[in-house]
């Protein structure tokens, strides 16, 4: 059995909102994760020829999709205005969730509009200030293969 090829090239990029939008890594971010959720609906389906004798089957379908992103790390002065402004104005911002690999290795990115749901800033003693951000999808996510 061959060993898997693992990646360490997962990044979250924030759009700048300009007409020719540029995307950048939020300086200071160290840990990141994404949760992709499919909310399902369901119903019980009886057998049409033997509705009382055959065990019913569950039918499920996707009703909606959601995306939640978590980023945490050290507060950097380079990225502080981005976080502060986004928390204060509550606007949508385009983001990219990037697997920075070649297309042959599954690389590409999801893009979606998103809202900063929560920003937490903390510090213990005289250590470096830290942050944790929760970003939630505000629309449909789409996948683009790496070029």
N, C-alpha and C. Protein backbone atom coordinates (compact mmCIF):
# COMPACT_ATOMS: atom_id res chain seq x y z
N UNK A 1 0.85 -1.19 0.00
CA UNK A 1 0.00 0.00 0.00
C UNK A 1 0.88 1.23 0.00
N UNK A 2 0.61 2.16 -0.89
CA UNK A 2 1.41 3.38 -1.00
C UNK A 2 1.00 4.40 0.06
N UNK A 3 1.96 5.19 0.50
CA UNK A 3 1.67 6.26 1.45
C UNK A 3 0.89 7.36 0.75
N UNK A 4 -0.04 8.01 1.46
CA UNK A 4 -0.80 9.10 0.85
C UNK A 4 0.06 10.34 0.66
N UNK A 5 -0.34 11.17 -0.28
CA UNK A 5 0.29 12.48 -0.46
C UNK A 5 -0.54 13.46 0.35
N UNK A 6 0.04 14.02 1.38
CA UNK A 6 -0.68 14.93 2.28
C UNK A 6 -0.38 16.37 1.90
N UNK A 7 -1.29 17.27 2.24
CA UNK A 7 -1.08 18.68 1.94
C UNK A 7 -1.05 19.50 3.21
N UNK A 8 -0.30 20.56 3.17
CA UNK A 8 -0.30 21.56 4.25
C UNK A 8 -0.60 22.92 3.65
N UNK A 9 -1.24 22.91 2.50
CA UNK A 9 -1.44 24.14 1.74
C UNK A 9 -2.90 24.57 1.70
N UNK A 10 -3.52 24.68 2.86
CA UNK A 10 -4.90 25.16 2.97
C UNK A 10 -4.88 26.56 3.55
N UNK A 11 -5.42 27.53 2.83
CA UNK A 11 -5.45 28.91 3.31
C UNK A 11 -6.83 29.51 3.09
N UNK A 12 -7.12 30.53 3.87
CA UNK A 12 -8.35 31.30 3.74
C UNK A 12 -7.97 32.71 3.36
N UNK A 13 -8.52 33.20 2.26
CA UNK A 13 -8.19 34.52 1.76
C UNK A 13 -9.42 35.43 1.85
N UNK A 14 -9.20 36.68 2.24
CA UNK A 14 -10.28 37.66 2.35
C UNK A 14 -10.20 38.62 1.18
N UNK A 15 -11.35 38.91 0.55
CA UNK A 15 -11.40 39.86 -0.55
C UNK A 15 -11.39 41.29 -0.04
N UNK A 16 -10.87 42.20 -0.89
CA UNK A 16 -10.80 43.61 -0.48
C UNK A 16 -12.01 44.43 -0.91
N UNK A 17 -12.95 43.81 -1.64
CA UNK A 17 -14.18 44.50 -2.02
C UNK A 17 -14.05 45.48 -3.17
N UNK A 18 -12.88 45.60 -3.75
CA UNK A 18 -12.68 46.52 -4.86
C UNK A 18 -13.25 45.92 -6.15
N UNK A 19 -13.41 46.76 -7.18
CA UNK A 19 -13.97 46.28 -8.45
C UNK A 19 -13.13 45.16 -9.05
N UNK A 20 -11.83 45.33 -9.07
CA UNK A 20 -10.91 44.26 -9.50
C UNK A 20 -10.40 43.61 -8.22
N UNK A 21 -11.23 42.75 -7.65
CA UNK A 21 -11.00 42.26 -6.29
C UNK A 21 -9.71 41.48 -6.14
N UNK A 22 -8.97 41.83 -5.10
CA UNK A 22 -7.76 41.10 -4.72
C UNK A 22 -8.06 40.35 -3.43
N UNK A 23 -7.44 39.19 -3.28
CA UNK A 23 -7.63 38.36 -2.10
C UNK A 23 -6.30 38.22 -1.38
N UNK A 24 -6.35 38.28 -0.03
CA UNK A 24 -5.11 38.22 0.74
C UNK A 24 -5.32 37.38 2.00
N UNK A 25 -4.23 36.75 2.42
CA UNK A 25 -4.18 36.00 3.67
C UNK A 25 -4.18 36.99 4.82
N UNK A 26 -5.02 36.81 5.85
CA UNK A 26 -4.99 37.73 6.99
C UNK A 26 -3.76 37.48 7.86
N UNK A 27 -2.84 38.40 7.82
CA UNK A 27 -1.58 38.27 8.54
C UNK A 27 -1.84 37.96 10.02
N UNK A 28 -1.07 37.03 10.56
CA UNK A 28 -1.21 36.64 11.96
C UNK A 28 -2.04 35.38 12.16
N UNK A 29 -2.83 35.01 11.15
CA UNK A 29 -3.67 33.81 11.28
C UNK A 29 -2.77 32.58 11.30
N UNK A 30 -3.03 31.67 12.22
CA UNK A 30 -2.23 30.46 12.35
C UNK A 30 -3.05 29.20 12.13
N UNK A 31 -4.22 29.13 12.74
CA UNK A 31 -5.06 27.94 12.63
C UNK A 31 -6.32 28.30 11.85
N UNK A 32 -6.79 27.36 11.04
CA UNK A 32 -8.00 27.62 10.27
C UNK A 32 -8.72 26.30 10.01
N UNK A 33 -10.03 26.42 9.89
CA UNK A 33 -10.85 25.25 9.57
C UNK A 33 -12.11 25.70 8.85
N UNK A 34 -12.69 24.77 8.12
CA UNK A 34 -13.92 25.04 7.40
C UNK A 34 -14.87 23.86 7.64
N UNK A 35 -16.13 24.17 7.89
CA UNK A 35 -17.16 23.16 8.00
C UNK A 35 -18.17 23.40 6.89
N UNK A 36 -18.36 22.40 6.04
CA UNK A 36 -19.34 22.45 4.96
C UNK A 36 -20.52 21.60 5.40
N UNK A 37 -21.71 22.19 5.43
CA UNK A 37 -22.88 21.50 5.95
C UNK A 37 -23.94 21.38 4.87
N UNK A 38 -24.50 20.19 4.76
CA UNK A 38 -25.67 19.96 3.92
C UNK A 38 -26.85 19.70 4.85
N UNK A 39 -27.79 20.63 4.93
CA UNK A 39 -29.00 20.44 5.73
C UNK A 39 -29.97 19.60 4.91
N UNK A 40 -30.46 18.54 5.51
CA UNK A 40 -31.29 17.60 4.77
C UNK A 40 -32.74 17.63 5.21
N UNK A 41 -33.60 17.28 4.28
CA UNK A 41 -35.00 17.01 4.57
C UNK A 41 -35.19 15.51 4.46
N UNK A 42 -36.27 15.01 5.05
CA UNK A 42 -36.50 13.56 4.96
C UNK A 42 -37.97 13.26 5.06
N UNK A 43 -38.33 12.11 4.55
CA UNK A 43 -39.69 11.60 4.65
C UNK A 43 -39.65 10.08 4.63
N UNK A 44 -40.69 9.48 5.13
CA UNK A 44 -40.83 8.03 5.12
C UNK A 44 -41.59 7.64 3.85
N UNK A 45 -41.07 6.64 3.13
CA UNK A 45 -41.70 6.18 1.90
C UNK A 45 -42.13 4.73 2.09
N UNK A 46 -43.42 4.50 1.92
CA UNK A 46 -43.95 3.14 2.04
C UNK A 46 -43.83 2.42 0.70
N UNK A 47 -43.72 1.11 0.75
CA UNK A 47 -43.70 0.30 -0.47
C UNK A 47 -45.08 0.37 -1.11
N UNK A 48 -45.15 0.70 -2.40
CA UNK A 48 -46.44 0.88 -3.08
C UNK A 48 -47.22 -0.42 -3.23
N UNK A 49 -46.55 -1.55 -3.37
CA UNK A 49 -47.27 -2.81 -3.57
C UNK A 49 -47.56 -3.53 -2.25
N UNK A 50 -46.83 -3.22 -1.19
CA UNK A 50 -47.05 -3.87 0.11
C UNK A 50 -46.80 -2.86 1.22
N UNK A 51 -47.65 -1.82 1.34
CA UNK A 51 -47.38 -0.73 2.27
C UNK A 51 -47.40 -1.12 3.75
N UNK A 52 -48.05 -2.22 4.10
CA UNK A 52 -48.08 -2.62 5.51
C UNK A 52 -47.15 -3.77 5.82
N UNK A 53 -46.63 -4.43 4.80
CA UNK A 53 -45.79 -5.60 5.05
C UNK A 53 -44.31 -5.35 4.86
N UNK A 54 -43.95 -4.36 4.09
CA UNK A 54 -42.53 -4.08 3.83
C UNK A 54 -42.09 -2.91 4.69
N UNK A 55 -40.91 -3.04 5.26
CA UNK A 55 -40.38 -1.95 6.09
C UNK A 55 -40.24 -0.69 5.23
N UNK A 56 -40.72 0.42 5.78
CA UNK A 56 -40.65 1.69 5.06
C UNK A 56 -39.19 2.13 4.91
N UNK A 57 -38.94 2.91 3.89
CA UNK A 57 -37.60 3.44 3.63
C UNK A 57 -37.58 4.94 3.91
N UNK A 58 -36.44 5.42 4.36
CA UNK A 58 -36.24 6.86 4.55
C UNK A 58 -35.70 7.43 3.26
N UNK A 59 -36.28 8.51 2.78
CA UNK A 59 -35.77 9.24 1.63
C UNK A 59 -35.25 10.58 2.15
N UNK A 60 -34.04 10.94 1.75
CA UNK A 60 -33.44 12.20 2.19
C UNK A 60 -32.96 12.98 0.98
N UNK A 61 -32.90 14.29 1.13
CA UNK A 61 -32.42 15.18 0.10
C UNK A 61 -31.78 16.39 0.75
N UNK A 62 -30.97 17.10 0.00
CA UNK A 62 -30.32 18.32 0.50
C UNK A 62 -31.27 19.49 0.27
N UNK A 63 -31.59 20.20 1.35
CA UNK A 63 -32.45 21.38 1.26
C UNK A 63 -31.64 22.66 1.18
N UNK A 64 -30.50 22.69 1.84
CA UNK A 64 -29.65 23.88 1.80
C UNK A 64 -28.23 23.50 2.17
N UNK A 65 -27.32 24.39 1.83
CA UNK A 65 -25.91 24.20 2.19
C UNK A 65 -25.44 25.41 2.98
N UNK A 66 -24.50 25.17 3.88
CA UNK A 66 -23.94 26.26 4.68
C UNK A 66 -22.43 26.06 4.79
N UNK A 67 -21.75 27.14 5.05
CA UNK A 67 -20.30 27.14 5.21
C UNK A 67 -19.97 27.93 6.46
N UNK A 68 -19.11 27.37 7.31
CA UNK A 68 -18.63 28.08 8.48
C UNK A 68 -17.11 27.97 8.53
N UNK A 69 -16.46 29.08 8.77
CA UNK A 69 -15.01 29.16 8.76
C UNK A 69 -14.54 29.65 10.13
N UNK A 70 -13.50 29.04 10.65
CA UNK A 70 -12.87 29.51 11.88
C UNK A 70 -11.41 29.82 11.60
N UNK A 71 -10.97 30.96 12.07
CA UNK A 71 -9.57 31.37 11.94
C UNK A 71 -9.12 31.86 13.30
N UNK A 72 -7.91 31.50 13.69
CA UNK A 72 -7.37 32.03 14.94
C UNK A 72 -5.87 32.22 14.79
N UNK A 73 -5.34 33.05 15.65
CA UNK A 73 -3.91 33.31 15.61
C UNK A 73 -3.53 34.49 16.48
N UNK A 74 -2.49 35.17 16.07
CA UNK A 74 -1.97 36.34 16.78
C UNK A 74 -2.46 37.61 16.12
N UNK A 75 -2.82 38.61 16.91
CA UNK A 75 -3.26 39.88 16.36
C UNK A 75 -2.05 40.58 15.76
N UNK A 76 -2.11 40.86 14.45
CA UNK A 76 -1.03 41.60 13.81
C UNK A 76 -1.54 43.00 13.47
N UNK A 77 -0.68 43.97 13.60
CA UNK A 77 -1.08 45.34 13.28
C UNK A 77 -1.39 45.46 11.79
N UNK A 78 -0.77 44.61 10.95
CA UNK A 78 -1.03 44.67 9.51
C UNK A 78 -2.47 44.27 9.16
N UNK A 79 -3.06 43.37 9.92
CA UNK A 79 -4.41 42.88 9.61
C UNK A 79 -5.49 43.47 10.51
N UNK A 80 -5.10 44.21 11.53
CA UNK A 80 -6.07 44.67 12.53
C UNK A 80 -7.20 45.49 11.91
N UNK A 81 -6.89 46.44 11.04
CA UNK A 81 -7.95 47.27 10.44
C UNK A 81 -8.97 46.43 9.67
N UNK A 82 -8.51 45.38 8.99
CA UNK A 82 -9.42 44.50 8.25
C UNK A 82 -10.42 43.87 9.20
N UNK A 83 -9.95 43.29 10.30
CA UNK A 83 -10.84 42.64 11.27
C UNK A 83 -11.75 43.66 11.95
N UNK A 84 -11.18 44.77 12.40
CA UNK A 84 -11.95 45.80 13.11
C UNK A 84 -13.06 46.36 12.22
N UNK A 85 -12.71 46.74 11.00
CA UNK A 85 -13.69 47.32 10.09
C UNK A 85 -14.80 46.33 9.75
N UNK A 86 -14.42 45.07 9.51
CA UNK A 86 -15.42 44.05 9.17
C UNK A 86 -16.37 43.81 10.34
N UNK A 87 -15.83 43.76 11.56
CA UNK A 87 -16.67 43.57 12.75
C UNK A 87 -17.61 44.75 12.96
N UNK A 88 -17.12 45.96 12.71
CA UNK A 88 -17.93 47.15 12.96
C UNK A 88 -19.01 47.40 11.91
N UNK A 89 -18.71 47.11 10.63
CA UNK A 89 -19.72 47.44 9.61
C UNK A 89 -20.66 46.29 9.27
N UNK A 90 -20.32 45.05 9.65
CA UNK A 90 -21.21 43.92 9.43
C UNK A 90 -21.49 43.60 7.98
N UNK A 91 -20.63 44.02 7.09
CA UNK A 91 -20.87 43.83 5.66
C UNK A 91 -20.50 42.43 5.20
N UNK A 92 -20.96 42.11 3.98
CA UNK A 92 -20.51 40.89 3.32
C UNK A 92 -19.14 41.14 2.74
N UNK A 93 -18.32 40.10 2.76
CA UNK A 93 -16.99 40.15 2.16
C UNK A 93 -16.82 38.85 1.39
N UNK A 94 -16.28 38.93 0.20
CA UNK A 94 -16.00 37.72 -0.55
C UNK A 94 -14.76 37.05 0.04
N UNK A 95 -14.83 35.73 0.17
CA UNK A 95 -13.68 34.98 0.68
C UNK A 95 -13.39 33.81 -0.25
N UNK A 96 -12.18 33.30 -0.14
CA UNK A 96 -11.79 32.09 -0.85
C UNK A 96 -11.19 31.11 0.14
N UNK A 97 -11.58 29.86 0.00
CA UNK A 97 -11.06 28.76 0.81
C UNK A 97 -10.23 27.92 -0.13
N UNK A 98 -8.91 28.03 -0.02
CA UNK A 98 -8.00 27.56 -1.05
C UNK A 98 -7.24 26.31 -0.62
N UNK A 99 -7.28 25.28 -1.46
CA UNK A 99 -6.38 24.15 -1.35
C UNK A 99 -5.33 24.41 -2.43
N UNK A 100 -4.19 24.93 -2.01
CA UNK A 100 -3.18 25.45 -2.93
C UNK A 100 -2.30 24.33 -3.48
N UNK A 101 -2.93 23.51 -4.29
CA UNK A 101 -2.25 22.39 -4.96
C UNK A 101 -2.57 22.48 -6.45
N UNK A 102 -1.85 21.72 -7.26
CA UNK A 102 -2.15 21.64 -8.69
C UNK A 102 -3.52 20.99 -8.88
N UNK A 103 -4.14 21.27 -10.01
CA UNK A 103 -5.45 20.67 -10.31
C UNK A 103 -5.39 19.15 -10.28
N UNK A 104 -4.30 18.56 -10.74
CA UNK A 104 -4.15 17.11 -10.75
C UNK A 104 -4.16 16.52 -9.34
N UNK A 105 -3.84 17.35 -8.34
CA UNK A 105 -3.83 16.90 -6.95
C UNK A 105 -5.05 17.40 -6.18
N UNK A 106 -6.09 17.83 -6.92
CA UNK A 106 -7.33 18.27 -6.28
C UNK A 106 -7.35 19.72 -5.87
N UNK A 107 -6.36 20.49 -6.30
CA UNK A 107 -6.28 21.90 -5.91
C UNK A 107 -7.36 22.76 -6.53
N UNK A 108 -7.60 23.88 -5.88
CA UNK A 108 -8.59 24.84 -6.33
C UNK A 108 -9.11 25.60 -5.12
N UNK A 109 -10.27 26.23 -5.30
CA UNK A 109 -10.82 26.98 -4.17
C UNK A 109 -12.34 27.11 -4.27
N UNK A 110 -12.95 27.21 -3.07
CA UNK A 110 -14.34 27.61 -2.98
C UNK A 110 -14.34 29.12 -2.84
N UNK A 111 -15.27 29.77 -3.47
CA UNK A 111 -15.47 31.20 -3.26
C UNK A 111 -16.91 31.41 -2.82
N UNK A 112 -17.12 32.41 -1.95
CA UNK A 112 -18.46 32.69 -1.46
C UNK A 112 -18.50 34.04 -0.76
N UNK A 113 -19.67 34.66 -0.73
CA UNK A 113 -19.84 35.84 0.11
C UNK A 113 -19.97 35.37 1.55
N UNK A 114 -19.46 36.18 2.48
CA UNK A 114 -19.46 35.75 3.88
C UNK A 114 -19.61 36.95 4.81
N UNK A 115 -20.01 36.64 6.02
CA UNK A 115 -20.18 37.65 7.07
C UNK A 115 -19.33 37.24 8.27
N UNK A 116 -18.66 38.20 8.87
CA UNK A 116 -17.92 37.95 10.11
C UNK A 116 -18.95 37.87 11.23
N UNK A 117 -19.18 36.67 11.73
CA UNK A 117 -20.20 36.46 12.76
C UNK A 117 -19.68 36.81 14.15
N UNK A 118 -18.40 36.49 14.40
CA UNK A 118 -17.86 36.72 15.74
C UNK A 118 -16.37 36.97 15.66
N UNK A 119 -15.89 37.94 16.44
CA UNK A 119 -14.46 38.23 16.56
C UNK A 119 -14.14 38.34 18.04
N UNK A 120 -13.23 37.49 18.49
CA UNK A 120 -12.81 37.51 19.89
C UNK A 120 -11.34 37.86 19.96
N UNK A 121 -11.00 38.81 20.82
CA UNK A 121 -9.61 39.21 21.03
C UNK A 121 -9.26 38.89 22.47
N UNK A 122 -8.09 38.35 22.70
CA UNK A 122 -7.70 38.01 24.06
C UNK A 122 -6.21 38.19 24.29
N UNK A 123 -5.84 38.18 25.55
CA UNK A 123 -4.44 38.27 25.93
C UNK A 123 -4.29 37.75 27.34
N UNK A 124 -3.21 37.03 27.58
CA UNK A 124 -2.89 36.54 28.90
C UNK A 124 -1.60 37.21 29.35
N UNK A 125 -1.65 37.92 30.45
CA UNK A 125 -0.45 38.60 30.95
C UNK A 125 0.11 39.55 29.91
N UNK A 126 1.40 39.41 29.64
CA UNK A 126 2.04 40.29 28.66
C UNK A 126 2.33 39.57 27.35
N UNK A 127 1.68 38.42 27.16
CA UNK A 127 1.90 37.67 25.93
C UNK A 127 1.29 38.42 24.74
N UNK A 128 1.56 37.93 23.55
CA UNK A 128 1.00 38.51 22.34
C UNK A 128 -0.52 38.36 22.33
N UNK A 129 -1.22 39.39 21.91
CA UNK A 129 -2.68 39.32 21.82
C UNK A 129 -3.08 38.30 20.76
N UNK A 130 -4.18 37.60 21.02
CA UNK A 130 -4.67 36.57 20.10
C UNK A 130 -6.06 36.94 19.61
N UNK A 131 -6.47 36.27 18.52
CA UNK A 131 -7.82 36.46 18.02
C UNK A 131 -8.40 35.13 17.57
N UNK A 132 -9.71 35.07 17.60
CA UNK A 132 -10.47 33.97 17.01
C UNK A 132 -11.62 34.60 16.25
N UNK A 133 -11.79 34.20 15.00
CA UNK A 133 -12.86 34.73 14.17
C UNK A 133 -13.73 33.59 13.65
N UNK A 134 -15.04 33.81 13.65
CA UNK A 134 -15.98 32.89 13.03
C UNK A 134 -16.64 33.62 11.87
N UNK A 135 -16.53 33.01 10.69
CA UNK A 135 -17.07 33.60 9.47
C UNK A 135 -18.11 32.63 8.93
N UNK A 136 -19.28 33.14 8.56
CA UNK A 136 -20.34 32.28 8.04
C UNK A 136 -20.69 32.68 6.61
N UNK A 137 -21.07 31.68 5.83
CA UNK A 137 -21.46 31.93 4.45
C UNK A 137 -22.72 32.79 4.38
N UNK A 138 -22.76 33.66 3.37
CA UNK A 138 -23.91 34.54 3.15
C UNK A 138 -24.48 34.32 1.75
N UNK A 139 -24.19 33.18 1.17
CA UNK A 139 -24.67 32.87 -0.17
C UNK A 139 -24.08 31.55 -0.63
N UNK A 140 -24.30 31.26 -1.89
CA UNK A 140 -23.86 29.99 -2.48
C UNK A 140 -22.33 29.95 -2.61
N UNK A 141 -21.74 28.80 -2.27
CA UNK A 141 -20.31 28.61 -2.49
C UNK A 141 -20.11 27.90 -3.83
N UNK A 142 -19.06 28.26 -4.53
CA UNK A 142 -18.75 27.61 -5.80
C UNK A 142 -17.29 27.19 -5.81
N UNK A 143 -17.03 26.04 -6.43
CA UNK A 143 -15.68 25.49 -6.52
C UNK A 143 -15.07 25.85 -7.88
N UNK A 144 -13.79 26.25 -7.84
CA UNK A 144 -13.03 26.52 -9.06
C UNK A 144 -11.78 25.67 -9.01
N UNK A 145 -11.56 24.84 -10.02
CA UNK A 145 -10.35 24.02 -10.08
C UNK A 145 -9.13 24.92 -10.25
N UNK A 146 -8.00 24.47 -9.69
CA UNK A 146 -6.73 25.18 -9.89
C UNK A 146 -6.40 25.19 -11.39
N UNK A 147 -5.74 26.26 -11.79
CA UNK A 147 -5.40 26.35 -13.23
C UNK A 147 -3.96 25.96 -13.47
